[in-house]
């Protein structure tokens, strides 16, 4: 890796080290929160159109979710590692290191795509069969998932280059990339599913093609933005040399994030198998919940995407007070979002389900499920933000451990035990119980972060300030 560093970026210190924290967080996060809301909208619209094919098609999309979630999680996790290290290097005024980390992030993203290309070509249908799907649902699932995985290079490109923009504070551009991809998907979903305006009638595969084409379009735009406006990073792949140390640093931060998503996919896969014993409709309800809850969780993820580079930059710049203030503000905003979502789920569950052409059976299962599941929203926002804080300071392993305890140690075993009552409504109680357990885990790990990371950082910052004071007096 090149060792030549610069003392300061052109034009002075990056805004992440100087702008008032509340204004900075809103400026960084709001564009991504808006774009994430648009993403949530197209996820819901996608399933609404699929539900018009049949309930079996909707169930197939629900069963595809664990693999689709893992795909996006791998792309995001690798990009999170790159993002945190690029922001930290910029905070430390190490330009060449930032460039190298960005290029290694692109390399890892390409490797991630190859993994899912192989999955799509080999085990796409088996994935549904092993969850207990009927032949009809498995056929629907294969048509959908094979396209999503084999054409997933678009989402890897999109997420990688969006995180580069975020790492330098240019979050406004990610609103355009994600918004463009989502709008394309929303428009072309019905056209490709139902064969409108002379297009081929592709059925459930049409939903998949609309998704991947939107991702490819967004990825191309993100690449163009990096070339045209992201002047703080200079990607010259003629100078790229594979550095195992750089790979290791990205993976050290990113793999826990990937594993967290993998844990979530294992949880969803396991719950699908538990619910299919009751009925395929119960699986469809669970899938609908995941689509609807994205309206709450996606803005919080957007908030996190704005928070992480701020935390990482100020960590590198030895500014712990800005880190802590950013964390507190992010928790406050995330909790406000979740409380609003909780109220909507409690008041309007039937109306939400009817968006998906819910049958009487789906309504009877779905109305109580949405009300019970949404109880976890009240603390989930804080848990999500704290998990991203761990990643920003290089302790992503804590995020992974909290996710492991919440989803596999508490949630899945409880869901299985409650299913033995024969009452599907009891299964949903596992979610709020597991979320409260995650609060306890986070309290323990935040104590360790404060002791092992924040206190030493404050001491180092004070030492630097004391060392700089005589020089300032002399000058």
Protein backbone atom coordinates (compact mmCIF):
# COMPACT_ATOMS: atom_id res chain seq x y z
CA UNK A 1 0.00 0.00 0.00
CA UNK A 2 1.27 3.47 -0.77
CA UNK A 3 2.61 5.36 2.26
CA UNK A 4 2.67 8.93 0.96
CA UNK A 5 0.10 10.91 2.98
CA UNK A 6 -1.11 14.48 2.84
CA UNK A 7 -1.46 16.85 5.76
CA UNK A 8 -4.92 18.12 4.94
CA UNK A 9 -7.43 17.80 2.15
CA UNK A 10 -7.77 20.63 -0.29
CA UNK A 11 -9.95 23.41 1.02
CA UNK A 12 -9.38 22.72 4.76
CA UNK A 13 -10.84 20.16 7.12
CA UNK A 14 -13.82 18.09 6.04
CA UNK A 15 -17.21 19.33 7.32
CA UNK A 16 -17.53 16.14 9.41
CA UNK A 17 -14.95 17.59 11.81
CA UNK A 18 -16.22 21.17 11.96
CA UNK A 19 -19.96 21.55 11.25
CA UNK A 20 -22.33 21.68 14.30
CA UNK A 21 -23.23 18.06 15.07
CA UNK A 22 -27.01 18.24 14.87
CA UNK A 23 -26.93 20.13 11.58
CA UNK A 24 -24.24 17.77 10.25
CA UNK A 25 -26.20 14.63 11.17
CA UNK A 26 -29.38 15.96 9.59
CA UNK A 27 -27.49 17.09 6.49
CA UNK A 28 -25.76 13.72 6.15
CA UNK A 29 -28.67 11.48 7.11
CA UNK A 30 -31.77 13.16 5.66
CA UNK A 31 -31.00 12.45 1.98
CA UNK A 32 -30.30 8.80 2.81
CA UNK A 33 -33.40 8.52 4.96
CA UNK A 34 -35.49 9.83 2.07
CA UNK A 35 -33.83 7.45 -0.38
CA UNK A 36 -34.31 4.56 2.06
CA UNK A 37 -38.00 5.43 2.34
CA UNK A 38 -38.23 5.26 -1.43
CA UNK A 39 -36.45 1.89 -1.26
CA UNK A 40 -39.02 0.72 1.30
CA UNK A 41 -41.80 1.95 -0.96
CA UNK A 42 -40.62 -0.06 -3.92
CA UNK A 43 -40.13 -3.16 -1.72
CA UNK A 44 -43.77 -2.88 -0.68
CA UNK A 45 -45.02 -2.04 -4.18
CA UNK A 46 -43.10 -5.05 -5.51
CA UNK A 47 -44.98 -7.37 -3.16
CA UNK A 48 -48.31 -5.63 -3.78
CA UNK A 49 -48.04 -6.38 -7.50
CA UNK A 50 -46.85 -9.94 -6.84
CA UNK A 51 -49.85 -10.50 -4.55
CA UNK A 52 -52.06 -9.79 -7.57
CA UNK A 53 -50.64 -12.93 -9.22
CA UNK A 54 -51.60 -15.22 -6.33
CA UNK A 55 -51.02 -15.80 -2.62
CA UNK A 56 -48.57 -18.58 -3.58
CA UNK A 57 -46.48 -16.05 -5.52
CA UNK A 58 -46.49 -13.73 -2.49
CA UNK A 59 -45.41 -16.64 -0.29
CA UNK A 60 -42.57 -17.43 -2.71
CA UNK A 61 -41.26 -13.86 -2.45
CA UNK A 62 -41.49 -14.16 1.35
CA UNK A 63 -39.46 -17.36 1.27
CA UNK A 64 -36.90 -15.74 -1.04
CA UNK A 65 -36.33 -12.98 1.50
CA UNK A 66 -33.59 -14.72 3.57
CA UNK A 67 -31.37 -15.23 0.51
CA UNK A 68 -32.16 -11.80 -0.91
CA UNK A 69 -31.44 -10.25 2.48
CA UNK A 70 -28.13 -12.11 2.70
CA UNK A 71 -27.15 -10.82 -0.75
CA UNK A 72 -27.81 -7.20 0.21
CA UNK A 73 -26.19 -7.81 3.59
CA UNK A 74 -22.95 -9.03 2.02
CA UNK A 75 -22.81 -6.03 -0.30
CA UNK A 76 -23.60 -3.63 2.56
CA UNK A 77 -21.27 -5.27 5.06
CA UNK A 78 -18.25 -5.13 2.78
CA UNK A 79 -19.11 -1.51 1.96
CA UNK A 80 -19.50 -0.64 5.67
CA UNK A 81 -15.96 -1.84 6.32
CA UNK A 82 -14.64 0.21 3.42
CA UNK A 83 -16.75 3.24 4.42
CA UNK A 84 -15.53 3.34 8.02
CA UNK A 85 -11.86 2.97 7.02
CA UNK A 86 -12.06 5.57 4.24
CA UNK A 87 -13.70 8.08 6.61
CA UNK A 88 -11.17 7.34 9.34
CA UNK A 89 -8.25 7.74 6.93
CA UNK A 90 -9.63 11.09 5.76
CA UNK A 91 -9.99 12.16 9.39
CA UNK A 92 -6.33 11.23 9.93
CA UNK A 93 -5.40 13.18 6.75
CA UNK A 94 -4.15 10.00 5.03
CA UNK A 95 -5.28 10.45 1.44
CA UNK A 96 -3.42 7.53 -0.12
CA UNK A 97 -4.75 5.13 2.50
CA UNK A 98 -8.30 6.33 1.81
CA UNK A 99 -7.82 5.72 -1.92
CA UNK A 100 -6.43 2.24 -1.36
CA UNK A 101 -9.25 1.28 1.00
CA UNK A 102 -11.81 2.40 -1.57
CA UNK A 103 -10.22 0.33 -4.34
CA UNK A 104 -9.98 -2.74 -2.11
CA UNK A 105 -13.67 -2.26 -1.35
CA UNK A 106 -14.43 -2.48 -5.08
CA UNK A 107 -12.36 -5.66 -5.33
CA UNK A 108 -14.21 -7.32 -2.45
CA UNK A 109 -17.55 -6.29 -3.95
CA UNK A 110 -16.67 -8.10 -7.19
CA UNK A 111 -15.81 -11.22 -5.19
CA UNK A 112 -19.16 -10.99 -3.40
CA UNK A 113 -21.05 -10.92 -6.69
CA UNK A 114 -19.32 -14.08 -7.90
CA UNK A 115 -20.52 -15.92 -4.79
CA UNK A 116 -24.16 -15.14 -5.52
CA UNK A 117 -23.79 -15.87 -9.22
CA UNK A 118 -22.79 -19.43 -8.26
CA UNK A 119 -25.69 -19.66 -5.79
CA UNK A 120 -28.17 -18.55 -8.44
CA UNK A 121 -26.88 -21.10 -10.93
CA UNK A 122 -26.91 -24.03 -8.51
CA UNK A 123 -29.27 -24.00 -5.50
CA UNK A 124 -31.99 -21.41 -6.20
CA UNK A 125 -34.89 -23.91 -6.36
CA UNK A 126 -33.55 -26.16 -3.61
CA UNK A 127 -33.63 -23.14 -1.27
CA UNK A 128 -37.46 -23.17 -1.40
CA UNK A 129 -37.85 -26.93 -1.23
CA UNK A 130 -35.82 -27.13 1.98
CA UNK A 131 -38.14 -24.55 3.58
CA UNK A 132 -41.09 -26.87 2.97
CA UNK A 133 -42.52 -25.07 -0.06
CA UNK A 134 -45.01 -26.80 -2.35
CA UNK A 135 -44.00 -27.42 -5.96
CA UNK A 136 -45.99 -24.40 -7.13
CA UNK A 137 -44.32 -22.09 -4.60
CA UNK A 138 -40.88 -23.56 -5.34
CA UNK A 139 -41.36 -22.92 -9.08
CA UNK A 140 -42.41 -19.34 -8.41
CA UNK A 141 -39.45 -18.92 -6.07
CA UNK A 142 -36.93 -20.23 -8.57
CA UNK A 143 -38.20 -17.88 -11.29
CA UNK A 144 -37.74 -14.95 -8.93
CA UNK A 145 -34.56 -15.80 -7.01
CA UNK A 146 -32.48 -17.02 -9.95
CA UNK A 147 -32.81 -13.62 -11.62
CA UNK A 148 -32.13 -11.67 -8.40
CA UNK A 149 -28.92 -13.60 -7.64
CA UNK A 150 -27.44 -14.03 -11.13
CA UNK A 151 -27.95 -10.34 -11.97
CA UNK A 152 -26.89 -9.04 -8.55
CA UNK A 153 -23.80 -7.23 -9.83
CA UNK A 154 -26.00 -4.12 -10.01
CA UNK A 155 -26.65 -4.01 -6.27
CA UNK A 156 -22.97 -4.63 -5.46
CA UNK A 157 -21.91 -1.73 -7.69
CA UNK A 158 -24.66 0.51 -6.35
CA UNK A 159 -23.96 -0.06 -2.66
CA UNK A 160 -20.16 0.11 -2.99
CA UNK A 161 -20.08 3.42 -4.82
CA UNK A 162 -22.87 4.91 -2.69
CA UNK A 163 -20.79 4.18 0.42
CA UNK A 164 -17.84 5.99 -1.16
CA UNK A 165 -20.02 9.06 -1.54
CA UNK A 166 -21.16 8.70 2.05
CA UNK A 167 -17.61 8.31 3.36
CA UNK A 168 -16.75 11.80 2.10
CA UNK A 169 -20.00 13.40 3.25
CA UNK A 170 -21.70 13.57 -0.16
CA UNK A 171 -24.86 11.81 0.94
CA UNK A 172 -27.18 13.95 -1.17
CA UNK A 173 -26.08 12.02 -4.26
CA UNK A 174 -27.14 8.68 -2.79
CA UNK A 175 -30.67 10.03 -2.62
CA UNK A 176 -30.58 10.45 -6.39
CA UNK A 177 -29.07 7.00 -7.08
CA UNK A 178 -31.43 5.07 -4.84
CA UNK A 179 -34.39 7.19 -5.84
CA UNK A 180 -33.77 6.60 -9.54
CA UNK A 181 -33.47 2.83 -9.06
CA UNK A 182 -36.60 2.69 -6.92
CA UNK A 183 -38.70 4.78 -9.31
CA UNK A 184 -37.60 2.61 -12.23
CA UNK A 185 -38.61 -0.49 -10.27
CA UNK A 186 -42.00 0.89 -9.31
CA UNK A 187 -42.79 1.86 -12.92
CA UNK A 188 -41.58 -1.35 -14.54
CA UNK A 189 -42.94 -3.80 -11.95
CA UNK A 190 -46.48 -3.90 -13.37
CA UNK A 191 -45.22 -3.54 -16.95
CA UNK A 192 -43.00 -6.62 -16.76
CA UNK A 193 -45.24 -8.68 -14.44
CA UNK A 194 -48.45 -8.23 -16.44
CA UNK A 195 -47.04 -7.51 -19.92
CA UNK A 196 -48.32 -3.95 -20.31
CA UNK A 197 -47.60 -1.66 -23.29
CA UNK A 198 -46.36 -4.52 -25.44
CA UNK A 199 -43.78 -5.79 -22.95
CA UNK A 200 -43.50 -9.56 -22.39
CA UNK A 201 -45.69 -10.94 -19.60
CA UNK A 202 -43.04 -12.38 -17.25
CA UNK A 203 -45.13 -12.94 -14.09
CA UNK A 204 -43.11 -13.17 -10.89
CA UNK A 205 -39.86 -13.11 -12.90
CA UNK A 206 -40.93 -9.67 -14.12
CA UNK A 207 -40.76 -8.39 -10.53
CA UNK A 208 -37.20 -9.71 -10.28
CA UNK A 209 -36.15 -8.13 -13.59
CA UNK A 210 -37.61 -4.77 -12.58
CA UNK A 211 -35.60 -4.97 -9.35
CA UNK A 212 -32.24 -5.87 -10.88
CA UNK A 213 -32.55 -3.41 -13.78
CA UNK A 214 -33.29 -0.63 -11.28
CA UNK A 215 -30.22 -1.65 -9.28
CA UNK A 216 -28.01 -1.65 -12.38
CA UNK A 217 -29.26 1.82 -13.33
CA UNK A 218 -28.61 3.12 -9.79
CA UNK A 219 -25.15 1.52 -9.77
CA UNK A 220 -24.19 3.24 -13.03
CA UNK A 221 -25.32 6.61 -11.65
CA UNK A 222 -23.39 6.07 -8.39
CA UNK A 223 -20.25 5.31 -10.41
CA UNK A 224 -20.71 8.47 -12.48
CA UNK A 225 -21.17 10.60 -9.35
CA UNK A 226 -17.93 9.25 -7.89
CA UNK A 227 -16.04 10.11 -11.05
CA UNK A 228 -17.56 13.58 -11.44
CA UNK A 229 -18.03 14.97 -7.93
CA UNK A 230 -16.17 12.84 -5.36
CA UNK A 231 -12.86 14.69 -5.58
CA UNK A 232 -11.67 13.54 -2.14
CA UNK A 233 -11.14 10.01 -3.47
CA UNK A 234 -8.96 9.18 -6.46
CA UNK A 235 -9.47 5.66 -7.81
CA UNK A 236 -6.68 4.74 -10.19
CA UNK A 237 -6.79 0.96 -10.64
CA UNK A 238 -3.55 1.08 -12.61
CA UNK A 239 -1.92 1.68 -9.22
CA UNK A 240 -3.99 -0.96 -7.45
CA UNK A 241 -1.97 -3.68 -5.75
CA UNK A 242 -3.77 -6.30 -3.70
CA UNK A 243 -2.87 -5.76 -0.05
CA UNK A 244 -3.91 -8.52 2.31
CA UNK A 245 -3.60 -6.18 5.28
CA UNK A 246 -6.11 -3.77 3.72
CA UNK A 247 -8.42 -6.70 2.90
CA UNK A 248 -8.13 -7.87 6.50
CA UNK A 249 -8.95 -4.42 7.89
CA UNK A 250 -12.07 -4.11 5.74
CA UNK A 251 -13.21 -7.62 6.61
CA UNK A 252 -12.53 -7.09 10.32
CA UNK A 253 -15.11 -4.30 10.36
CA UNK A 254 -17.37 -5.56 7.59
CA UNK A 255 -17.65 -9.29 8.31
CA UNK A 256 -19.48 -8.81 11.63
CA UNK A 257 -22.02 -6.72 9.70
CA UNK A 258 -22.33 -9.48 7.08
CA UNK A 259 -22.68 -12.08 9.80
CA UNK A 260 -25.40 -10.02 11.46
CA UNK A 261 -27.38 -10.13 8.24
CA UNK A 262 -26.58 -13.82 7.85
CA UNK A 263 -27.92 -14.37 11.34
CA UNK A 264 -31.05 -12.49 10.33
CA UNK A 265 -31.40 -14.66 7.24
CA UNK A 266 -31.00 -17.82 9.32
CA UNK A 267 -33.64 -16.46 11.69
CA UNK A 268 -36.07 -15.74 8.84
CA UNK A 269 -35.38 -19.12 7.24
CA UNK A 270 -36.01 -20.87 10.59
CA UNK A 271 -39.20 -18.91 11.30
CA UNK A 272 -40.52 -19.72 7.82
CA UNK A 273 -40.08 -23.41 8.61
CA UNK A 274 -41.87 -22.93 11.94
CA UNK A 275 -44.76 -21.02 10.37
CA UNK A 276 -45.27 -23.30 7.36
CA UNK A 277 -46.48 -25.96 9.82
CA UNK A 278 -49.46 -23.70 10.54
CA UNK A 279 -50.08 -22.71 6.88
CA UNK A 280 -48.45 -21.07 3.88
CA UNK A 281 -50.64 -18.06 4.67
CA UNK A 282 -48.77 -17.61 7.97
CA UNK A 283 -45.52 -17.48 5.97
CA UNK A 284 -47.07 -14.90 3.64
CA UNK A 285 -48.11 -12.78 6.65
CA UNK A 286 -44.56 -12.90 8.00
CA UNK A 287 -43.25 -11.78 4.61
CA UNK A 288 -45.76 -8.94 4.45
CA UNK A 289 -44.66 -7.81 7.92
CA UNK A 290 -41.05 -7.63 6.76
CA UNK A 291 -42.07 -5.49 3.81
CA UNK A 292 -44.19 -3.15 5.94
CA UNK A 293 -41.68 -2.82 8.76
CA UNK A 294 -39.14 -1.57 6.25
CA UNK A 295 -41.01 1.77 6.36
CA UNK A 296 -39.79 2.05 9.96
CA UNK A 297 -36.41 0.37 9.73
CA UNK A 298 -35.16 1.74 6.39
CA UNK A 299 -35.17 5.40 7.54
CA UNK A 300 -33.25 4.32 10.65
CA UNK A 301 -30.74 2.51 8.42
CA UNK A 302 -30.46 5.74 6.41
CA UNK A 303 -29.86 7.62 9.67
CA UNK A 304 -27.13 5.10 10.51
CA UNK A 305 -25.51 5.52 7.10
CA UNK A 306 -25.26 9.24 7.83
CA UNK A 307 -23.99 8.65 11.36
CA UNK A 308 -21.23 6.09 10.65
CA UNK A 309 -18.88 8.32 8.61
CA UNK A 310 -19.32 11.15 11.17
CA UNK A 311 -18.37 8.83 14.03
CA UNK A 312 -15.50 7.26 12.09
CA UNK A 313 -14.11 10.61 10.91
CA UNK A 314 -14.15 12.14 14.39
CA UNK A 315 -12.70 8.95 15.83
CA UNK A 316 -9.73 9.36 13.49
CA UNK A 317 -9.58 13.11 14.26
CA UNK A 318 -9.57 12.49 18.07
CA UNK A 319 -12.86 14.31 18.71
CA UNK A 320 -14.75 12.04 21.16
CA UNK A 321 -17.24 14.72 22.24
CA UNK A 322 -18.55 15.01 18.66
CA UNK A 323 -18.81 11.21 18.49
CA UNK A 324 -20.89 10.96 21.65
CA UNK A 325 -23.18 13.84 20.70
CA UNK A 326 -23.76 12.27 17.29
CA UNK A 327 -24.66 8.95 18.91
CA UNK A 328 -27.16 10.52 21.33
CA UNK A 329 -28.87 12.51 18.59
CA UNK A 330 -29.10 9.44 16.34
CA UNK A 331 -30.70 7.39 19.12
CA UNK A 332 -33.24 10.17 19.75
CA UNK A 333 -34.23 10.48 16.08
CA UNK A 334 -34.38 6.70 15.59
CA UNK A 335 -36.66 6.29 18.60
CA UNK A 336 -39.01 9.02 17.34
CA UNK A 337 -39.29 7.25 13.97
CA UNK A 338 -40.03 3.93 15.62
CA UNK A 339 -42.68 5.32 17.96
CA UNK A 340 -44.56 6.74 14.96
CA UNK A 341 -44.34 3.38 13.17
CA UNK A 342 -45.57 1.58 16.30
CA UNK A 343 -48.66 3.81 16.43
CA UNK A 344 -49.47 3.14 12.76
CA UNK A 345 -49.15 -0.63 13.17
CA UNK A 346 -51.38 -0.57 16.25
CA UNK A 347 -54.10 1.59 14.69
CA UNK A 348 -54.20 0.45 11.05
CA UNK A 349 -53.15 -3.23 10.80
CA UNK A 350 -56.13 -4.32 8.69
CA UNK A 351 -55.71 -1.48 6.21
CA UNK A 352 -52.01 -2.31 5.82
CA UNK A 353 -52.74 -5.96 5.08
CA UNK A 354 -55.46 -5.15 2.56
CA UNK A 355 -52.78 -3.48 0.41
CA UNK A 356 -51.63 -7.04 -0.34
CA UNK A 357 -55.05 -8.40 -1.34
CA UNK A 358 -55.31 -10.13 2.05
CA UNK A 359 -57.76 -13.01 2.29
CA UNK A 360 -59.93 -13.51 5.37
CA UNK A 361 -57.41 -16.07 6.65
CA UNK A 362 -54.53 -13.64 6.13
CA UNK A 363 -56.43 -10.94 8.02
CA UNK A 364 -57.23 -13.24 10.93
CA UNK A 365 -53.54 -14.15 11.29
CA UNK A 366 -52.09 -10.81 10.24
CA UNK A 367 -53.95 -8.25 12.36
CA UNK A 368 -52.80 -9.60 15.75
CA UNK A 369 -49.34 -10.37 14.33
CA UNK A 370 -48.69 -6.78 13.27
CA UNK A 371 -49.81 -5.45 16.63
CA UNK A 372 -47.63 -7.86 18.60
CA UNK A 373 -44.57 -7.65 16.36
CA UNK A 374 -44.55 -3.85 16.34
CA UNK A 375 -44.09 -3.70 20.12
CA UNK A 376 -40.40 -4.37 19.47
CA UNK A 377 -40.18 -1.06 17.55
CA UNK A 378 -40.13 0.85 20.85
CA UNK A 379 -36.54 -0.19 21.59
CA UNK A 380 -35.35 -1.46 18.21
CA UNK A 381 -34.32 1.99 16.96
CA UNK A 382 -31.82 2.50 19.77
CA UNK A 383 -30.48 -1.03 19.34
CA UNK A 384 -29.87 -0.49 15.62
CA UNK A 385 -28.06 2.82 16.12
CA UNK A 386 -25.82 1.44 18.87
CA UNK A 387 -24.92 -1.51 16.64
CA UNK A 388 -23.76 0.87 13.91
CA UNK A 389 -21.76 2.86 16.48
CA UNK A 390 -19.79 -0.30 17.27
CA UNK A 391 -18.95 -0.68 13.59
CA UNK A 392 -17.89 2.95 13.22
CA UNK A 393 -15.29 2.62 16.01
CA UNK A 394 -13.99 -0.70 14.72
CA UNK A 395 -15.79 -3.02 17.17
CA UNK A 396 -18.23 -4.60 14.74
CA UNK A 397 -17.86 -7.89 16.61
CA UNK A 398 -20.11 -6.45 19.33
CA UNK A 399 -22.86 -5.80 16.78
CA UNK A 400 -22.58 -9.37 15.61
CA UNK A 401 -22.78 -10.77 19.13
CA UNK A 402 -25.88 -8.72 19.98
CA UNK A 403 -27.54 -9.87 16.76
CA UNK A 404 -26.59 -13.48 17.51
CA UNK A 405 -28.09 -13.36 21.00
CA UNK A 406 -31.23 -11.54 19.91
CA UNK A 407 -32.13 -13.66 16.90
CA UNK A 408 -30.68 -17.12 17.41
CA UNK A 409 -30.29 -17.46 21.17
CA UNK A 410 -33.61 -15.84 22.10
CA UNK A 411 -35.93 -15.31 19.14
CA UNK A 412 -35.81 -18.60 17.20
CA UNK A 413 -35.90 -20.92 20.26
CA UNK A 414 -38.75 -18.90 21.79
CA UNK A 415 -40.68 -18.90 18.50
CA UNK A 416 -40.27 -22.68 18.31
CA UNK A 417 -41.38 -23.21 21.91
CA UNK A 418 -44.38 -20.90 21.52
CA UNK A 419 -45.36 -22.71 18.30
CA UNK A 420 -45.86 -25.86 20.35
CA UNK A 421 -48.91 -24.23 21.92
CA UNK A 422 -50.66 -24.62 18.56
CA UNK A 423 -51.52 -20.90 18.56
CA UNK A 424 -49.71 -18.96 15.84
CA UNK A 425 -50.28 -15.68 17.70
CA UNK A 426 -48.00 -16.93 20.49
CA UNK A 427 -45.11 -17.20 18.02
CA UNK A 428 -45.02 -13.43 17.48
CA UNK A 429 -44.31 -12.80 21.18
CA UNK A 430 -40.73 -13.96 20.60
CA UNK A 431 -39.86 -10.66 18.86
CA UNK A 432 -40.48 -8.12 21.66
CA UNK A 433 -38.91 -10.47 24.23
CA UNK A 434 -35.77 -10.85 22.11
CA UNK A 435 -35.55 -7.08 21.53
CA UNK A 436 -35.57 -6.41 25.27
CA UNK A 437 -32.79 -9.00 25.67
CA UNK A 438 -30.80 -7.05 23.05
CA UNK A 439 -31.11 -3.90 25.19
CA UNK A 440 -29.37 -5.71 28.05
CA UNK A 441 -26.60 -6.93 25.72
CA UNK A 442 -26.05 -3.42 24.37
CA UNK A 443 -25.83 -1.95 27.86
CA UNK A 444 -23.00 -4.38 28.66
CA UNK A 445 -21.08 -3.74 25.42
CA UNK A 446 -21.47 0.06 25.65
CA UNK A 447 -19.88 -0.11 29.09
CA UNK A 448 -16.91 -1.89 27.51
CA UNK A 449 -16.73 0.60 24.62
CA UNK A 450 -16.68 3.50 27.06
CA UNK A 451 -13.93 1.87 29.11
CA UNK A 452 -11.74 0.55 26.30
CA UNK A 453 -12.29 3.10 23.49
CA UNK A 454 -13.88 6.39 24.54
CA UNK A 455 -11.91 7.06 27.75
CA UNK A 456 -8.51 6.40 26.10
CA UNK A 457 -9.61 8.55 23.15
CA UNK A 458 -10.51 11.42 25.47
CA UNK A 459 -7.12 11.11 27.19
CA UNK A 460 -5.32 11.15 23.83
CA UNK A 461 -7.35 14.17 22.68
CA UNK A 462 -6.50 16.05 25.90
CA UNK A 463 -2.81 15.18 25.46
CA UNK A 464 -2.86 16.55 21.90
CA UNK A 465 -4.65 19.72 23.00
CA UNK A 466 -2.09 20.33 25.76
CA UNK A 467 0.75 19.73 23.33
CA UNK A 468 -0.71 22.21 20.82
CA UNK A 469 -1.36 24.99 23.36
CA UNK A 470 2.30 26.16 23.83
CA UNK A 471 2.75 26.29 20.04
CA UNK A 472 -0.37 28.43 19.68
CA UNK A 473 0.85 30.81 22.42
CA UNK A 474 4.30 31.07 20.82
CA UNK A 475 2.86 31.79 17.38
